């Protein structure tokens, strides 16, 4: 009779362990899926930011911003000054 009880307890313990393992497996799988979605979103964000950075670094954009927002204009030859240093004896 004690052998029967022992087998019943062993079956009960193994079934509880199986249920626990399946629960953790489902939880870890859901976490893995969530992390993969986050990784894909971050990769997409990185690509978007790289494109934006390329646009912001464009020389034509910088020229336009310098002219419109700062009021810079190209230097004309009439506005340039040249200095020559003479050598001292």
PDB file of N, CA and C in Angstrom:
ATOM      1  N   UNK A   1       0.811  -1.188   0.000  1.00  0.00           N
ATOM      2  CA  UNK A   1       0.000   0.000   0.000  1.00  0.00           C
ATOM      3  C   UNK A   1       0.867   1.271   0.000  1.00  0.00           C
ATOM      4  N   UNK A   2       1.949   1.249   0.720  1.00  0.00           N
ATOM      5  CA  UNK A   2       2.809   2.425   0.771  1.00  0.00           C
ATOM      6  C   UNK A   2       3.436   2.694  -0.596  1.00  0.00           C
ATOM      7  N   UNK A   3       3.657   1.626  -1.353  1.00  0.00           N
ATOM      8  CA  UNK A   3       4.210   1.812  -2.684  1.00  0.00           C
ATOM      9  C   UNK A   3       3.205   2.527  -3.580  1.00  0.00           C
ATOM     10  N   UNK A   4       1.942   2.248  -3.443  1.00  0.00           N
ATOM     11  CA  UNK A   4       0.889   2.895  -4.219  1.00  0.00           C
ATOM     12  C   UNK A   4       0.831   4.388  -3.883  1.00  0.00           C
ATOM     13  N   UNK A   5       0.908   4.700  -2.581  1.00  0.00           N
ATOM     14  CA  UNK A   5       0.891   6.100  -2.161  1.00  0.00           C
ATOM     15  C   UNK A   5       2.129   6.841  -2.693  1.00  0.00           C
ATOM     16  N   UNK A   6       3.226   6.173  -2.651  1.00  0.00           N
ATOM     17  CA  UNK A   6       4.454   6.779  -3.145  1.00  0.00           C
ATOM     18  C   UNK A   6       4.345   7.080  -4.635  1.00  0.00           C
ATOM     19  N   UNK A   7       3.807   6.123  -5.405  1.00  0.00           N
ATOM     20  CA  UNK A   7       3.636   6.353  -6.844  1.00  0.00           C
ATOM     21  C   UNK A   7       2.620   7.460  -7.107  1.00  0.00           C
ATOM     22  N   UNK A   8       1.550   7.499  -6.315  1.00  0.00           N
ATOM     23  CA  UNK A   8       0.539   8.547  -6.482  1.00  0.00           C
ATOM     24  C   UNK A   8       1.144   9.920  -6.186  1.00  0.00           C
ATOM     25  N   UNK A   9       1.934  10.021  -5.140  1.00  0.00           N
ATOM     26  CA  UNK A   9       2.594  11.288  -4.817  1.00  0.00           C
ATOM     27  C   UNK A   9       3.615  11.674  -5.887  1.00  0.00           C
ATOM     28  N   UNK A  10       4.316  10.685  -6.411  1.00  0.00           N
ATOM     29  CA  UNK A  10       5.291  10.964  -7.466  1.00  0.00           C
ATOM     30  C   UNK A  10       4.592  11.466  -8.729  1.00  0.00           C
ATOM     31  N   UNK A  11       3.469  10.859  -9.083  1.00  0.00           N
ATOM     32  CA  UNK A  11       2.709  11.300 -10.254  1.00  0.00           C
ATOM     33  C   UNK A  11       2.159  12.708 -10.014  1.00  0.00           C
ATOM     34  N   UNK A  12       1.642  12.952  -8.812  1.00  0.00           N
ATOM     35  CA  UNK A  12       1.119  14.275  -8.483  1.00  0.00           C
ATOM     36  C   UNK A  12       2.227  15.333  -8.534  1.00  0.00           C
ATOM     37  N   UNK A  13       3.366  15.032  -7.972  1.00  0.00           N
ATOM     38  CA  UNK A  13       4.484  15.971  -7.970  1.00  0.00           C
ATOM     39  C   UNK A  13       4.975  16.240  -9.396  1.00  0.00           C
ATOM     40  N   UNK A  14       5.077  15.200 -10.201  1.00  0.00           N
ATOM     41  CA  UNK A  14       5.551  15.395 -11.571  1.00  0.00           C
ATOM     42  C   UNK A  14       4.531  16.179 -12.400  1.00  0.00           C
ATOM     43  N   UNK A  15       3.233  15.961 -12.159  1.00  0.00           N
ATOM     44  CA  UNK A  15       2.228  16.720 -12.901  1.00  0.00           C
ATOM     45  C   UNK A  15       2.248  18.192 -12.487  1.00  0.00           C
ATOM     46  N   UNK A  16       2.447  18.477 -11.207  1.00  0.00           N
ATOM     47  CA  UNK A  16       2.565  19.865 -10.755  1.00  0.00           C
ATOM     48  C   UNK A  16       3.822  20.521 -11.337  1.00  0.00           C
ATOM     49  N   UNK A  17       4.898  19.774 -11.391  1.00  0.00           N
ATOM     50  CA  UNK A  17       6.126  20.300 -11.979  1.00  0.00           C
ATOM     51  C   UNK A  17       5.930  20.583 -13.470  1.00  0.00           C
ATOM     52  N   UNK A  18       5.180  19.711 -14.154  1.00  0.00           N
ATOM     53  CA  UNK A  18       4.904  19.912 -15.573  1.00  0.00           C
ATOM     54  C   UNK A  18       4.047  21.154 -15.788  1.00  0.00           C
ATOM     55  N   UNK A  19       3.012  21.318 -14.969  1.00  0.00           N
ATOM     56  CA  UNK A  19       2.157  22.510 -15.081  1.00  0.00           C
ATOM     57  C   UNK A  19       2.986  23.769 -14.825  1.00  0.00           C
ATOM     58  N   UNK A  20       3.843  23.744 -13.822  1.00  0.00           N
ATOM     59  CA  UNK A  20       4.700  24.889 -13.509  1.00  0.00           C
ATOM     60  C   UNK A  20       5.654  25.194 -14.671  1.00  0.00           C
ATOM     61  N   UNK A  21       6.240  24.168 -15.245  1.00  0.00           N
ATOM     62  CA  UNK A  21       7.169  24.348 -16.364  1.00  0.00           C
ATOM     63  C   UNK A  21       6.443  24.931 -17.575  1.00  0.00           C
ATOM     64  N   UNK A  22       5.237  24.448 -17.850  1.00  0.00           N
ATOM     65  CA  UNK A  22       4.465  24.976 -18.983  1.00  0.00           C
ATOM     66  C   UNK A  22       4.087  26.445 -18.753  1.00  0.00           C
ATOM     67  N   UNK A  23       3.739  26.782 -17.528  1.00  0.00           N
ATOM     68  CA  UNK A  23       3.406  28.169 -17.200  1.00  0.00           C
ATOM     69  C   UNK A  23       4.603  29.081 -17.452  1.00  0.00           C
ATOM     70  N   UNK A  24       5.755  28.666 -16.972  1.00  0.00           N
ATOM     71  CA  UNK A  24       6.961  29.479 -17.172  1.00  0.00           C
ATOM     72  C   UNK A  24       7.334  29.538 -18.647  1.00  0.00           C
ATOM     73  N   UNK A  25       7.122  28.452 -19.366  1.00  0.00           N
ATOM     74  CA  UNK A  25       7.412  28.440 -20.795  1.00  0.00           C
ATOM     75  C   UNK A  25       6.530  29.457 -21.519  1.00  0.00           C
ATOM     76  N   UNK A  26       5.236  29.487 -21.228  1.00  0.00           N
ATOM     77  CA  UNK A  26       4.332  30.448 -21.865  1.00  0.00           C
ATOM     78  C   UNK A  26       4.719  31.884 -21.506  1.00  0.00           C
ATOM     79  N   UNK A  27       5.050  32.100 -20.234  1.00  0.00           N
ATOM     80  CA  UNK A  27       5.434  33.439 -19.800  1.00  0.00           C
ATOM     81  C   UNK A  27       6.717  33.906 -20.498  1.00  0.00           C
ATOM     82  N   UNK A  28       7.702  33.015 -20.591  1.00  0.00           N
ATOM     83  CA  UNK A  28       8.959  33.375 -21.258  1.00  0.00           C
ATOM     84  C   UNK A  28       8.760  33.582 -22.755  1.00  0.00           C
ATOM     85  N   UNK A  29       7.885  32.783 -23.361  1.00  0.00           N
ATOM     86  CA  UNK A  29       7.605  32.949 -24.780  1.00  0.00           C
ATOM     87  C   UNK A  29       6.947  34.305 -25.039  1.00  0.00           C
ATOM     88  N   UNK A  30       5.999  34.684 -24.201  1.00  0.00           N
ATOM     89  CA  UNK A  30       5.349  35.989 -24.344  1.00  0.00           C
ATOM     90  C   UNK A  30       6.366  37.115 -24.158  1.00  0.00           C
ATOM     91  N   UNK A  31       7.259  36.953 -23.197  1.00  0.00           N
ATOM     92  CA  UNK A  31       8.290  37.966 -22.973  1.00  0.00           C
ATOM     93  C   UNK A  31       9.233  38.044 -24.173  1.00  0.00           C
ATOM     94  N   UNK A  32       9.579  36.916 -24.735  1.00  0.00           N
ATOM     95  CA  UNK A  32      10.440  36.892 -25.917  1.00  0.00           C
ATOM     96  C   UNK A  32       9.771  37.605 -27.088  1.00  0.00           C
ATOM     97  N   UNK A  33       8.488  37.350 -27.298  1.00  0.00           N
ATOM     98  CA  UNK A  33       7.757  38.005 -28.378  1.00  0.00           C
ATOM     99  C   UNK A  33       7.723  39.521 -28.172  1.00  0.00           C
ATOM    100  N   UNK A  34       7.493  39.933 -26.936  1.00  0.00           N
ATOM    101  CA  UNK A  34       7.456  41.361 -26.617  1.00  0.00           C
ATOM    102  C   UNK A  34       8.817  42.007 -26.891  1.00  0.00           C
ATOM    103  N   UNK A  35       9.895  41.341 -26.499  1.00  0.00           N
ATOM    104  CA  UNK A  35      11.236  41.885 -26.724  1.00  0.00           C
ATOM    105  C   UNK A  35      11.578  41.936 -28.208  1.00  0.00           C
ATOM    106  N   UNK A  36      11.127  40.957 -28.974  1.00  0.00           N
ATOM    107  CA  UNK A  36      11.377  40.976 -30.416  1.00  0.00           C
ATOM    108  C   UNK A  36      10.632  42.133 -31.081  1.00  0.00           C
ATOM    109  N   UNK A  37       9.385  42.382 -30.644  1.00  0.00           N
ATOM    110  CA  UNK A  37       8.645  43.521 -31.192  1.00  0.00           C
ATOM    111  C   UNK A  37       9.335  44.835 -30.833  1.00  0.00           C
ATOM    112  N   UNK A  38       9.811  44.945 -29.598  1.00  0.00           N
ATOM    113  CA  UNK A  38      10.516  46.157 -29.180  1.00  0.00           C
ATOM    114  C   UNK A  38      11.801  46.331 -29.985  1.00  0.00           C
ATOM    115  N   UNK A  39      12.491  45.238 -30.247  1.00  0.00           N
ATOM    116  CA  UNK A  39      13.727  45.294 -31.029  1.00  0.00           C
ATOM    117  C   UNK A  39      13.448  45.771 -32.456  1.00  0.00           C
ATOM    118  N   UNK A  40      12.384  45.266 -33.059  1.00  0.00           N
ATOM    119  CA  UNK A  40      12.025  45.698 -34.410  1.00  0.00           C
ATOM    120  C   UNK A  40      11.654  47.175 -34.431  1.00  0.00           C
ATOM    121  N   UNK A  41      10.928  47.623 -33.421  1.00  0.00           N
ATOM    122  CA  UNK A  41      10.560  49.035 -33.347  1.00  0.00           C
ATOM    123  C   UNK A  41      11.800  49.909 -33.181  1.00  0.00           C
ATOM    124  N   UNK A  42      12.727  49.483 -32.335  1.00  0.00           N
ATOM    125  CA  UNK A  42      13.953  50.260 -32.147  1.00  0.00           C
ATOM    126  C   UNK A  42      14.788  50.292 -33.420  1.00  0.00           C
ATOM    127  N   UNK A  43      14.847  49.182 -34.137  1.00  0.00           N
ATOM    128  CA  UNK A  43      15.583  49.160 -35.411  1.00  0.00           C
ATOM    129  C   UNK A  43      14.953  50.132 -36.405  1.00  0.00           C
ATOM    130  N   UNK A  44      13.633  50.155 -36.435  1.00  0.00           N
ATOM    131  CA  UNK A  44      12.931  51.086 -37.314  1.00  0.00           C
ATOM    132  C   UNK A  44      13.201  52.524 -36.895  1.00  0.00           C
ATOM    133  N   UNK A  45      13.175  52.795 -35.600  1.00  0.00           N
ATOM    134  CA  UNK A  45      13.457  54.145 -35.097  1.00  0.00           C
ATOM    135  C   UNK A  45      14.882  54.575 -35.440  1.00  0.00           C
ATOM    136  N   UNK A  46      15.823  53.663 -35.308  1.00  0.00           N
ATOM    137  CA  UNK A  46      17.215  53.976 -35.635  1.00  0.00           C
ATOM    138  C   UNK A  46      17.344  54.335 -37.111  1.00  0.00           C
ATOM    139  N   UNK A  47      16.689  53.568 -37.968  1.00  0.00           N
ATOM    140  CA  UNK A  47      16.756  53.850 -39.408  1.00  0.00           C
ATOM    141  C   UNK A  47      16.130  55.203 -39.716  1.00  0.00           C
ATOM    142  N   UNK A  48      14.999  55.504 -39.076  1.00  0.00           N
ATOM    143  CA  UNK A  48      14.346  56.796 -39.286  1.00  0.00           C
ATOM    144  C   UNK A  48      15.248  57.935 -38.833  1.00  0.00           C
ATOM    145  N   UNK A  49      15.886  57.774 -37.685  1.00  0.00           N
ATOM    146  CA  UNK A  49      16.778  58.820 -37.181  1.00  0.00           C
ATOM    147  C   UNK A  49      18.015  58.995 -38.056  1.00  0.00           C
ATOM    148  N   UNK A  50      18.507  57.917 -38.625  1.00  0.00           N
ATOM    149  CA  UNK A  50      19.648  58.028 -39.536  1.00  0.00           C
ATOM    150  C   UNK A  50      19.278  58.827 -40.782  1.00  0.00           C
ATOM    151  N   UNK A  51      18.087  58.563 -41.314  1.00  0.00           N
ATOM    152  CA  UNK A  51      17.624  59.315 -42.484  1.00  0.00           C
ATOM    153  C   UNK A  51      17.466  60.785 -42.116  1.00  0.00           C
ATOM    154  N   UNK A  52      16.876  61.059 -40.958  1.00  0.00           N
ATOM    155  CA  UNK A  52      16.701  62.440 -40.513  1.00  0.00           C
ATOM    156  C   UNK A  52      18.042  63.133 -40.314  1.00  0.00           C
ATOM    157  N   UNK A  53      18.996  62.436 -39.747  1.00  0.00           N
ATOM    158  CA  UNK A  53      20.327  63.016 -39.547  1.00  0.00           C
ATOM    159  C   UNK A  53      20.990  63.333 -40.881  1.00  0.00           C
ATOM    160  N   UNK A  54      20.830  62.457 -41.850  1.00  0.00           N
ATOM    161  CA  UNK A  54      21.381  62.710 -43.184  1.00  0.00           C
ATOM    162  C   UNK A  54      20.748  63.949 -43.796  1.00  0.00           C
ATOM    163  N   UNK A  55      19.427  64.089 -43.616  1.00  0.00           N
ATOM    164  CA  UNK A  55      18.749  65.277 -44.141  1.00  0.00           C
ATOM    165  C   UNK A  55      19.229  66.538 -43.434  1.00  0.00           C
ATOM    166  N   UNK A  56      19.416  66.458 -42.130  1.00  0.00           N
ATOM    167  CA  UNK A  56      19.840  67.637 -41.373  1.00  0.00           C
ATOM    168  C   UNK A  56      21.271  68.051 -41.701  1.00  0.00           C
ATOM    169  N   UNK A  57      22.099  67.107 -42.095  1.00  0.00           N
ATOM    170  CA  UNK A  57      23.495  67.406 -42.417  1.00  0.00           C
ATOM    171  C   UNK A  57      23.694  67.887 -43.844  1.00  0.00           C
ATOM    172  N   UNK A  58      22.664  67.868 -44.651  1.00  0.00           N
ATOM    173  CA  UNK A  58      22.797  68.237 -46.067  1.00  0.00           C
ATOM    174  C   UNK A  58      23.272  69.677 -46.202  1.00  0.00           C
ATOM    175  N   UNK A  59      24.288  69.915 -47.036  1.00  0.00           N
ATOM    176  CA  UNK A  59      24.810  71.275 -47.205  1.00  0.00           C
ATOM    177  C   UNK A  59      23.761  72.263 -47.709  1.00  0.00           C
ATOM    178  N   UNK A  60      22.858  71.816 -48.572  1.00  0.00           N
ATOM    179  CA  UNK A  60      21.828  72.734 -49.079  1.00  0.00           C
ATOM    180  C   UNK A  60      20.912  73.199 -47.954  1.00  0.00           C
ATOM    181  N   UNK A  61      20.598  72.320 -47.033  1.00  0.00           N
ATOM    182  CA  UNK A  61      19.768  72.688 -45.891  1.00  0.00           C
ATOM    183  C   UNK A  61      20.509  73.681 -45.000  1.00  0.00           C
ATOM    184  N   UNK A  62      21.795  73.409 -44.780  1.00  0.00           N
ATOM    185  CA  UNK A  62      22.582  74.313 -43.940  1.00  0.00           C
ATOM    186  C   UNK A  62      22.685  75.703 -44.571  1.00  0.00           C
ATOM    187  N   UNK A  63      22.861  75.767 -45.894  1.00  0.00           N
ATOM    188  CA  UNK A  63      22.901  77.062 -46.578  1.00  0.00           C
ATOM    189  C   UNK A  63      21.570  77.798 -46.420  1.00  0.00           C
ATOM    190  N   UNK A  64      20.473  77.083 -46.604  1.00  0.00           N
ATOM    191  CA  UNK A  64      19.146  77.691 -46.486  1.00  0.00           C
ATOM    192  C   UNK A  64      18.904  78.211 -45.070  1.00  0.00           C
ATOM    193  N   UNK A  65      19.267  77.419 -44.060  1.00  0.00           N
ATOM    194  CA  UNK A  65      19.089  77.849 -42.668  1.00  0.00           C
ATOM    195  C   UNK A  65      19.959  79.057 -42.377  1.00  0.00           C
ATOM    196  N   UNK A  66      21.187  79.051 -42.873  1.00  0.00           N
ATOM    197  CA  UNK A  66      22.089  80.182 -42.635  1.00  0.00           C
ATOM    198  C   UNK A  66      21.533  81.457 -43.256  1.00  0.00           C
ATOM    199  N   UNK A  67      20.955  81.373 -44.437  1.00  0.00           N
ATOM    200  CA  UNK A  67      20.419  82.552 -45.107  1.00  0.00           C
ATOM    201  C   UNK A  67      19.107  83.014 -44.476  1.00  0.00           C
ATOM    202  N   UNK A  68      18.186  82.080 -44.221  1.00  0.00           N
ATOM    203  CA  UNK A  68      16.849  82.450 -43.765  1.00  0.00           C
ATOM    204  C   UNK A  68      16.793  82.775 -42.273  1.00  0.00           C
ATOM    205  N   UNK A  69      17.433  81.982 -41.448  1.00  0.00           N
ATOM    206  CA  UNK A  69      17.274  82.157 -40.008  1.00  0.00           C
ATOM    207  C   UNK A  69      18.348  83.043 -39.390  1.00  0.00           C
ATOM    208  N   UNK A  70      19.550  82.987 -39.902  1.00  0.00           N
ATOM    209  CA  UNK A  70      20.644  83.744 -39.305  1.00  0.00           C
ATOM    210  C   UNK A  70      20.918  85.023 -40.095  1.00  0.00           C
ATOM    211  N   UNK A  71      20.496  85.039 -41.356  1.00  0.00           N
ATOM    212  CA  UNK A  71      20.720  86.215 -42.180  1.00  0.00           C
ATOM    213  C   UNK A  71      22.102  86.276 -42.798  1.00  0.00           C
ATOM    214  N   UNK A  72      22.759  85.144 -42.909  1.00  0.00           N
ATOM    215  CA  UNK A  72      24.094  85.124 -43.503  1.00  0.00           C
ATOM    216  C   UNK A  72      23.969  85.215 -45.025  1.00  0.00           C
ATOM    217  N   UNK A  73      24.946  85.863 -45.638  1.00  0.00           N
ATOM    218  CA  UNK A  73      25.000  85.963 -47.098  1.00  0.00           C
ATOM    219  C   UNK A  73      26.412  85.605 -47.541  1.00  0.00           C
ATOM    220  N   UNK A  74      26.560  85.154 -48.763  1.00  0.00           N
ATOM    221  CA  UNK A  74      27.918  84.852 -49.245  1.00  0.00           C
ATOM    222  C   UNK A  74      28.766  86.111 -49.294  1.00  0.00           C
ATOM    223  N   UNK A  75      30.033  85.956 -49.114  1.00  0.00           N
ATOM    224  CA  UNK A  75      30.961  87.088 -49.150  1.00  0.00           C
ATOM    225  C   UNK A  75      31.178  87.500 -50.595  1.00  0.00           C
ATOM    226  N   UNK A  76      31.104  88.816 -50.824  1.00  0.00           N
ATOM    227  CA  UNK A  76      31.367  89.365 -52.166  1.00  0.00           C
ATOM    228  C   UNK A  76      32.819  89.825 -52.200  1.00  0.00           C
ATOM    229  N   UNK A  77      33.412  89.800 -53.357  1.00  0.00           N
ATOM    230  CA  UNK A  77      34.821  90.227 -53.454  1.00  0.00           C
ATOM    231  C   UNK A  77      35.060  91.645 -52.956  1.00  0.00           C
ATOM    232  N   UNK A  78      34.075  92.512 -53.086  1.00  0.00           N
ATOM    233  CA  UNK A  78      34.248  93.889 -52.639  1.00  0.00           C
ATOM    234  C   UNK A  78      34.306  93.993 -51.118  1.00  0.00           C
ATOM    235  N   UNK A  79      33.822  92.976 -50.432  1.00  0.00           N
ATOM    236  CA  UNK A  79      33.780  93.009 -48.972  1.00  0.00           C
ATOM    237  C   UNK A  79      34.984  92.347 -48.319  1.00  0.00           C
ATOM    238  N   UNK A  80      35.880  91.838 -49.107  1.00  0.00           N
ATOM    239  CA  UNK A  80      37.025  91.142 -48.525  1.00  0.00           C
ATOM    240  C   UNK A  80      38.186  92.098 -48.311  1.00  0.00           C
ATOM    241  N   UNK A  81      38.942  91.870 -47.284  1.00  0.00           N
ATOM    242  CA  UNK A  81      40.133  92.654 -46.988  1.00  0.00           C
ATOM    243  C   UNK A  81      41.332  91.720 -46.980  1.00  0.00           C
ATOM    244  N   UNK A  82      42.401  92.177 -47.516  1.00  0.00           N
ATOM    245  CA  UNK A  82      43.628  91.381 -47.519  1.00  0.00           C
ATOM    246  C   UNK A  82      44.685  92.136 -46.743  1.00  0.00           C
ATOM    247  N   UNK A  83      45.400  91.452 -45.946  1.00  0.00           N
ATOM    248  CA  UNK A  83      46.490  92.036 -45.163  1.00  0.00           C
ATOM    249  C   UNK A  83      47.763  91.296 -45.513  1.00  0.00           C
ATOM    250  N   UNK A  84      48.821  92.085 -45.667  1.00  0.00           N
ATOM    251  CA  UNK A  84      50.119  91.472 -45.917  1.00  0.00           C
ATOM    252  C   UNK A  84      51.033  91.850 -44.768  1.00  0.00           C
ATOM    253  N   UNK A  85      51.688  90.896 -44.254  1.00  0.00           N
ATOM    254  CA  UNK A  85      52.637  91.143 -43.188  1.00  0.00           C
ATOM    255  C   UNK A  85      54.011  91.345 -43.795  1.00  0.00           C
ATOM    256  N   UNK A  86      54.621  92.386 -43.369  1.00  0.00           N
ATOM    257  CA  UNK A  86      55.973  92.653 -43.853  1.00  0.00           C
ATOM    258  C   UNK A  86      56.957  92.039 -42.866  1.00  0.00           C
ATOM    259  N   UNK A  87      57.968  91.479 -43.400  1.00  0.00           N
ATOM    260  CA  UNK A  87      58.980  90.882 -42.550  1.00  0.00           C
ATOM    261  C   UNK A  87      59.824  91.976 -41.910  1.00  0.00           C
ATOM    262  N   UNK A  88      60.149  91.816 -40.654  1.00  0.00           N
ATOM    263  CA  UNK A  88      60.990  92.788 -39.959  1.00  0.00           C
ATOM    264  C   UNK A  88      62.448  92.377 -40.135  1.00  0.00           C
ATOM    265  N   UNK A  89      63.289  93.352 -40.295  1.00  0.00           N
ATOM    266  CA  UNK A  89      64.715  93.021 -40.478  1.00  0.00           C
ATOM    267  C   UNK A  89      65.379  92.554 -39.202  1.00  0.00           C
TER     268      UNK A  89
END
